[in-house]
Amino acid sequence: MYINEEKKRYDVRNDKERLPGLYVSHRQFSWMTATVILIVFGVFVTGYFLGKRKPTEPVYEPEIEHAAVVAAAIKMENAPVAQPAATVISAPQQAYYAQLIGFGTSSAAQKFSEKLQRKNFPVCVKERHSTTAQGKKIIWYQVITEPFEDKDELLAAIYKIKKEEKLHDIRIITC
């Protein structure tokens, strides 16, 4: 009789019959938790890499701004303007160029430059000299655009280059 009572107390079937619900062992619960965490991590990593491959469109579009500037200039040309009696000496036109990308070797810079020139982008390669934080002098090669007198025209060219070549951190410099 004592054996039967002990057997009833520790018999799993009797516990399931007494209490309604789902019974999961500790090992099964650990496996389920690990699986859920792995799935969530996989979805995150997949979303990250898909987002990197196809970034969102930029908010600033120089082509649209350029079109607005041209339209405003046309309106200004058609408006009657009183000519001053004295001749005004204008300041010399400023030229602008853009620093596109830097390379450690001349051959890599030349290849990239030729690739852009085949796409009708006027670019050239400049040799640059720098000093590292440790004081070592290095030579590197920077692909830059040819000088533009119209900044809006340069911005339109930069926008197209950025879009096609996926470049970032392009700086515009005044000559």
C-alpha atoms as a PDB file:
ATOM      1  CA  MET A   1       0.000   0.000   0.000  1.00  0.00           C
ATOM      2  CA  TYR A   2       2.817   2.402   0.809  1.00  0.00           C
ATOM      3  CA  ILE A   3       4.400   1.678  -2.593  1.00  0.00           C
ATOM      4  CA  ASN A   4       1.195   2.461  -4.456  1.00  0.00           C
ATOM      5  CA  GLU A   5       0.794   5.764  -2.657  1.00  0.00           C
ATOM      6  CA  GLU A   6       4.389   6.722  -3.543  1.00  0.00           C
ATOM      7  CA  LYS A   7       3.818   5.627  -7.112  1.00  0.00           C
ATOM      8  CA  LYS A   8       0.651   7.741  -7.374  1.00  0.00           C
ATOM      9  CA  ARG A   9       2.355  10.769  -5.954  1.00  0.00           C
ATOM     10  CA  TYR A  10       5.211  10.722  -8.513  1.00  0.00           C
ATOM     11  CA  ASP A  11       3.351   9.376 -11.528  1.00  0.00           C
ATOM     12  CA  VAL A  12       3.323  12.037 -14.274  1.00  0.00           C
ATOM     13  CA  ARG A  13       0.158  10.691 -15.856  1.00  0.00           C
ATOM     14  CA  ASN A  14      -1.775  11.273 -12.690  1.00  0.00           C
ATOM     15  CA  ASP A  15      -0.532  14.898 -12.483  1.00  0.00           C
ATOM     16  CA  LYS A  16      -1.666  15.584 -16.078  1.00  0.00           C
ATOM     17  CA  GLU A  17      -5.054  14.114 -15.406  1.00  0.00           C
ATOM     18  CA  ARG A  18      -5.505  16.258 -12.302  1.00  0.00           C
ATOM     19  CA  LEU A  19      -4.377  19.658 -13.685  1.00  0.00           C
ATOM     20  CA  PRO A  20      -5.489  20.983 -17.102  1.00  0.00           C
ATOM     21  CA  GLY A  21      -2.844  22.678 -19.291  1.00  0.00           C
ATOM     22  CA  LEU A  22       0.261  22.177 -21.375  1.00  0.00           C
ATOM     23  CA  TYR A  23       3.239  20.476 -19.813  1.00  0.00           C
ATOM     24  CA  VAL A  24       6.703  21.372 -21.115  1.00  0.00           C
ATOM     25  CA  SER A  25       9.935  20.109 -19.672  1.00  0.00           C
ATOM     26  CA  HIS A  26      12.788  22.480 -18.843  1.00  0.00           C
ATOM     27  CA  ARG A  27      14.804  21.193 -21.813  1.00  0.00           C
ATOM     28  CA  GLN A  28      11.921  21.796 -24.244  1.00  0.00           C
ATOM     29  CA  PHE A  29      11.371  25.281 -22.841  1.00  0.00           C
ATOM     30  CA  SER A  30      15.097  26.097 -23.296  1.00  0.00           C
ATOM     31  CA  TRP A  31      15.019  24.892 -26.911  1.00  0.00           C
ATOM     32  CA  MET A  32      11.888  26.926 -27.672  1.00  0.00           C
ATOM     33  CA  THR A  33      13.383  30.077 -26.123  1.00  0.00           C
ATOM     34  CA  ALA A  34      16.640  29.652 -28.062  1.00  0.00           C
ATOM     35  CA  THR A  35      14.672  29.130 -31.305  1.00  0.00           C
ATOM     36  CA  VAL A  36      12.606  32.286 -30.803  1.00  0.00           C
ATOM     37  CA  ILE A  37      15.721  34.350 -30.042  1.00  0.00           C
ATOM     38  CA  LEU A  38      17.470  32.926 -33.125  1.00  0.00           C
ATOM     39  CA  ILE A  39      14.488  33.777 -35.362  1.00  0.00           C
ATOM     40  CA  VAL A  40      14.273  37.342 -34.026  1.00  0.00           C
ATOM     41  CA  PHE A  41      18.020  37.820 -34.536  1.00  0.00           C
ATOM     42  CA  GLY A  42      17.782  36.404 -38.076  1.00  0.00           C
ATOM     43  CA  VAL A  43      14.965  38.798 -38.981  1.00  0.00           C
ATOM     44  CA  PHE A  44      16.959  41.738 -37.603  1.00  0.00           C
ATOM     45  CA  VAL A  45      20.139  40.832 -39.513  1.00  0.00           C
ATOM     46  CA  THR A  46      18.196  40.236 -42.738  1.00  0.00           C
ATOM     47  CA  GLY A  47      16.470  43.614 -42.412  1.00  0.00           C
ATOM     48  CA  TYR A  48      19.762  45.335 -41.687  1.00  0.00           C
ATOM     49  CA  PHE A  49      21.503  43.964 -44.775  1.00  0.00           C
ATOM     50  CA  LEU A  50      18.523  44.537 -47.055  1.00  0.00           C
ATOM     51  CA  GLY A  51      18.379  48.126 -45.793  1.00  0.00           C
ATOM     52  CA  LYS A  52      22.086  48.610 -46.459  1.00  0.00           C
ATOM     53  CA  ARG A  53      21.731  47.312 -49.998  1.00  0.00           C
ATOM     54  CA  LYS A  54      18.774  49.531 -50.862  1.00  0.00           C
ATOM     55  CA  PRO A  55      18.975  52.718 -48.781  1.00  0.00           C
ATOM     56  CA  THR A  56      16.105  55.151 -48.724  1.00  0.00           C
ATOM     57  CA  GLU A  57      16.001  57.940 -51.273  1.00  0.00           C
ATOM     58  CA  PRO A  58      17.652  61.188 -50.188  1.00  0.00           C
ATOM     59  CA  VAL A  59      15.375  64.022 -49.134  1.00  0.00           C
ATOM     60  CA  TYR A  60      17.536  66.698 -50.763  1.00  0.00           C
ATOM     61  CA  GLU A  61      17.507  66.564 -54.556  1.00  0.00           C
ATOM     62  CA  PRO A  62      19.717  69.161 -56.263  1.00  0.00           C
ATOM     63  CA  GLU A  63      18.076  68.527 -59.665  1.00  0.00           C
ATOM     64  CA  ILE A  64      14.734  69.759 -58.371  1.00  0.00           C
ATOM     65  CA  GLU A  65      16.384  72.738 -56.675  1.00  0.00           C
ATOM     66  CA  HIS A  66      18.354  73.424 -59.873  1.00  0.00           C
ATOM     67  CA  ALA A  67      15.125  73.435 -61.897  1.00  0.00           C
ATOM     68  CA  ALA A  68      13.590  75.910 -59.430  1.00  0.00           C
ATOM     69  CA  VAL A  69      16.645  78.173 -59.679  1.00  0.00           C
ATOM     70  CA  VAL A  70      16.515  78.083 -63.493  1.00  0.00           C
ATOM     71  CA  ALA A  71      12.796  78.886 -63.465  1.00  0.00           C
ATOM     72  CA  ALA A  72      13.401  81.825 -61.109  1.00  0.00           C
ATOM     73  CA  ALA A  73      16.229  83.076 -63.340  1.00  0.00           C
ATOM     74  CA  ILE A  74      13.966  82.971 -66.405  1.00  0.00           C
ATOM     75  CA  LYS A  75      11.313  84.989 -64.553  1.00  0.00           C
ATOM     76  CA  MET A  76      13.977  87.511 -63.539  1.00  0.00           C
ATOM     77  CA  GLU A  77      15.174  87.868 -67.167  1.00  0.00           C
ATOM     78  CA  ASN A  78      11.678  88.695 -68.366  1.00  0.00           C
ATOM     79  CA  ALA A  79      11.088  91.333 -65.676  1.00  0.00           C
ATOM     80  CA  PRO A  80      11.908  94.904 -66.663  1.00  0.00           C
ATOM     81  CA  VAL A  81      15.036  96.138 -64.912  1.00  0.00           C
ATOM     82  CA  ALA A  82      16.262  99.728 -64.792  1.00  0.00           C
ATOM     83  CA  GLN A  83      19.881  99.902 -65.981  1.00  0.00           C
ATOM     84  CA  PRO A  84      22.232 101.956 -63.783  1.00  0.00           C
ATOM     85  CA  ALA A  85      23.960 104.911 -65.386  1.00  0.00           C
ATOM     86  CA  ALA A  86      27.431 103.905 -64.143  1.00  0.00           C
ATOM     87  CA  THR A  87      29.167 100.692 -65.135  1.00  0.00           C
ATOM     88  CA  VAL A  88      29.453  98.261 -62.262  1.00  0.00           C
ATOM     89  CA  ILE A  89      32.613  96.192 -62.066  1.00  0.00           C
ATOM     90  CA  SER A  90      31.652  92.682 -61.063  1.00  0.00           C
ATOM     91  CA  ALA A  91      33.756  90.435 -58.885  1.00  0.00           C
ATOM     92  CA  PRO A  92      35.553  87.590 -60.637  1.00  0.00           C
ATOM     93  CA  GLN A  93      33.500  84.419 -61.016  1.00  0.00           C
ATOM     94  CA  GLN A  94      34.250  81.744 -58.456  1.00  0.00           C
ATOM     95  CA  ALA A  95      34.865  78.214 -59.608  1.00  0.00           C
ATOM     96  CA  TYR A  96      33.840  75.113 -57.663  1.00  0.00           C
ATOM     97  CA  TYR A  97      35.004  71.525 -57.697  1.00  0.00           C
ATOM     98  CA  ALA A  98      34.075  68.442 -55.679  1.00  0.00           C
ATOM     99  CA  GLN A  99      36.363  66.012 -53.895  1.00  0.00           C
ATOM    100  CA  LEU A 100      34.786  62.652 -54.726  1.00  0.00           C
ATOM    101  CA  ILE A 101      36.888  59.766 -53.368  1.00  0.00           C
ATOM    102  CA  GLY A 102      40.430  58.902 -52.327  1.00  0.00           C
ATOM    103  CA  PHE A 103      42.562  55.853 -53.198  1.00  0.00           C
ATOM    104  CA  GLY A 104      45.811  54.444 -51.874  1.00  0.00           C
ATOM    105  CA  THR A 105      47.160  53.607 -55.326  1.00  0.00           C
ATOM    106  CA  SER A 106      47.392  55.582 -58.534  1.00  0.00           C
ATOM    107  CA  SER A 107      46.087  52.700 -60.660  1.00  0.00           C
ATOM    108  CA  ALA A 108      42.862  52.356 -58.636  1.00  0.00           C
ATOM    109  CA  ALA A 109      42.264  56.104 -58.854  1.00  0.00           C
ATOM    110  CA  GLN A 110      42.895  56.093 -62.617  1.00  0.00           C
ATOM    111  CA  LYS A 111      40.465  53.184 -63.139  1.00  0.00           C
ATOM    112  CA  PHE A 112      37.728  54.995 -61.221  1.00  0.00           C
ATOM    113  CA  SER A 113      38.456  58.231 -63.076  1.00  0.00           C
ATOM    114  CA  GLU A 114      38.225  56.480 -66.451  1.00  0.00           C
ATOM    115  CA  LYS A 115      34.953  54.832 -65.402  1.00  0.00           C
ATOM    116  CA  LEU A 116      33.423  58.237 -64.598  1.00  0.00           C
ATOM    117  CA  GLN A 117      34.814  59.806 -67.782  1.00  0.00           C
ATOM    118  CA  ARG A 118      33.125  57.054 -69.838  1.00  0.00           C
ATOM    119  CA  LYS A 119      29.873  58.220 -68.198  1.00  0.00           C
ATOM    120  CA  ASN A 120      30.630  61.823 -69.304  1.00  0.00           C
ATOM    121  CA  PHE A 121      31.597  63.144 -65.873  1.00  0.00           C
ATOM    122  CA  PRO A 122      34.596  65.499 -66.119  1.00  0.00           C
ATOM    123  CA  VAL A 123      36.999  64.274 -63.426  1.00  0.00           C
ATOM    124  CA  CYS A 124      40.744  64.123 -62.828  1.00  0.00           C
ATOM    125  CA  VAL A 125      43.145  62.548 -60.315  1.00  0.00           C
ATOM    126  CA  LYS A 126      45.256  64.643 -57.930  1.00  0.00           C
ATOM    127  CA  GLU A 127      48.192  63.359 -55.899  1.00  0.00           C
ATOM    128  CA  ARG A 128      47.901  64.281 -52.209  1.00  0.00           C
ATOM    129  CA  HIS A 129      50.512  64.196 -49.453  1.00  0.00           C
ATOM    130  CA  SER A 130      49.500  63.567 -45.846  1.00  0.00           C
ATOM    131  CA  THR A 131      51.045  62.788 -42.490  1.00  0.00           C
ATOM    132  CA  THR A 132      49.636  60.058 -40.245  1.00  0.00           C
ATOM    133  CA  ALA A 133      49.103  60.422 -36.503  1.00  0.00           C
ATOM    134  CA  GLN A 134      52.423  58.616 -35.971  1.00  0.00           C
ATOM    135  CA  GLY A 135      54.216  61.143 -38.186  1.00  0.00           C
ATOM    136  CA  LYS A 136      54.623  58.904 -41.230  1.00  0.00           C
ATOM    137  CA  LYS A 137      54.295  60.679 -44.592  1.00  0.00           C
ATOM    138  CA  ILE A 138      52.033  59.019 -47.135  1.00  0.00           C
ATOM    139  CA  ILE A 139      50.942  59.704 -50.698  1.00  0.00           C
ATOM    140  CA  TRP A 140      47.370  59.033 -51.797  1.00  0.00           C
ATOM    141  CA  TYR A 141      45.296  59.866 -54.855  1.00  0.00           C
ATOM    142  CA  GLN A 142      42.045  61.803 -54.897  1.00  0.00           C
ATOM    143  CA  VAL A 143      39.500  61.836 -57.723  1.00  0.00           C
ATOM    144  CA  ILE A 144      38.011  65.322 -58.102  1.00  0.00           C
ATOM    145  CA  THR A 145      35.702  66.980 -60.619  1.00  0.00           C
ATOM    146  CA  GLU A 146      36.940  69.553 -63.080  1.00  0.00           C
ATOM    147  CA  PRO A 147      36.154  73.136 -61.939  1.00  0.00           C
ATOM    148  CA  PHE A 148      32.576  74.313 -62.529  1.00  0.00           C
ATOM    149  CA  GLU A 149      31.640  77.991 -62.632  1.00  0.00           C
ATOM    150  CA  ASP A 150      27.983  77.246 -61.833  1.00  0.00           C
ATOM    151  CA  LYS A 151      27.521  75.690 -58.388  1.00  0.00           C
ATOM    152  CA  ASP A 152      24.047  74.360 -59.279  1.00  0.00           C
ATOM    153  CA  GLU A 153      25.486  72.535 -62.277  1.00  0.00           C
ATOM    154  CA  LEU A 154      28.131  70.985 -60.009  1.00  0.00           C
ATOM    155  CA  LEU A 155      25.453  69.942 -57.495  1.00  0.00           C
ATOM    156  CA  ALA A 156      23.466  68.226 -60.262  1.00  0.00           C
ATOM    157  CA  ALA A 157      26.601  66.360 -61.425  1.00  0.00           C
ATOM    158  CA  ILE A 158      27.430  65.336 -57.828  1.00  0.00           C
ATOM    159  CA  TYR A 159      23.884  64.063 -57.306  1.00  0.00           C
ATOM    160  CA  LYS A 160      24.156  61.830 -60.378  1.00  0.00           C
ATOM    161  CA  ILE A 161      27.607  60.547 -59.352  1.00  0.00           C
ATOM    162  CA  LYS A 162      26.406  59.818 -55.805  1.00  0.00           C
ATOM    163  CA  LYS A 163      23.400  57.935 -57.113  1.00  0.00           C
ATOM    164  CA  GLU A 164      25.314  55.853 -59.673  1.00  0.00           C
ATOM    165  CA  GLU A 165      28.495  55.156 -57.683  1.00  0.00           C
ATOM    166  CA  LYS A 166      26.989  55.117 -54.156  1.00  0.00           C
ATOM    167  CA  LEU A 167      29.486  57.658 -52.816  1.00  0.00           C
ATOM    168  CA  HIS A 168      29.049  59.745 -49.676  1.00  0.00           C
ATOM    169  CA  ASP A 169      30.861  62.567 -47.885  1.00  0.00           C
ATOM    170  CA  ILE A 170      31.548  64.524 -51.074  1.00  0.00           C
ATOM    171  CA  ARG A 171      32.952  67.979 -50.320  1.00  0.00           C
ATOM    172  CA  ILE A 172      32.544  71.044 -52.538  1.00  0.00           C
ATOM    173  CA  ILE A 173      35.594  73.324 -52.604  1.00  0.00           C
ATOM    174  CA  THR A 174      35.860  76.884 -53.898  1.00  0.00           C
ATOM    175  CA  CYS A 175      38.801  77.557 -56.224  1.00  0.00           C
END
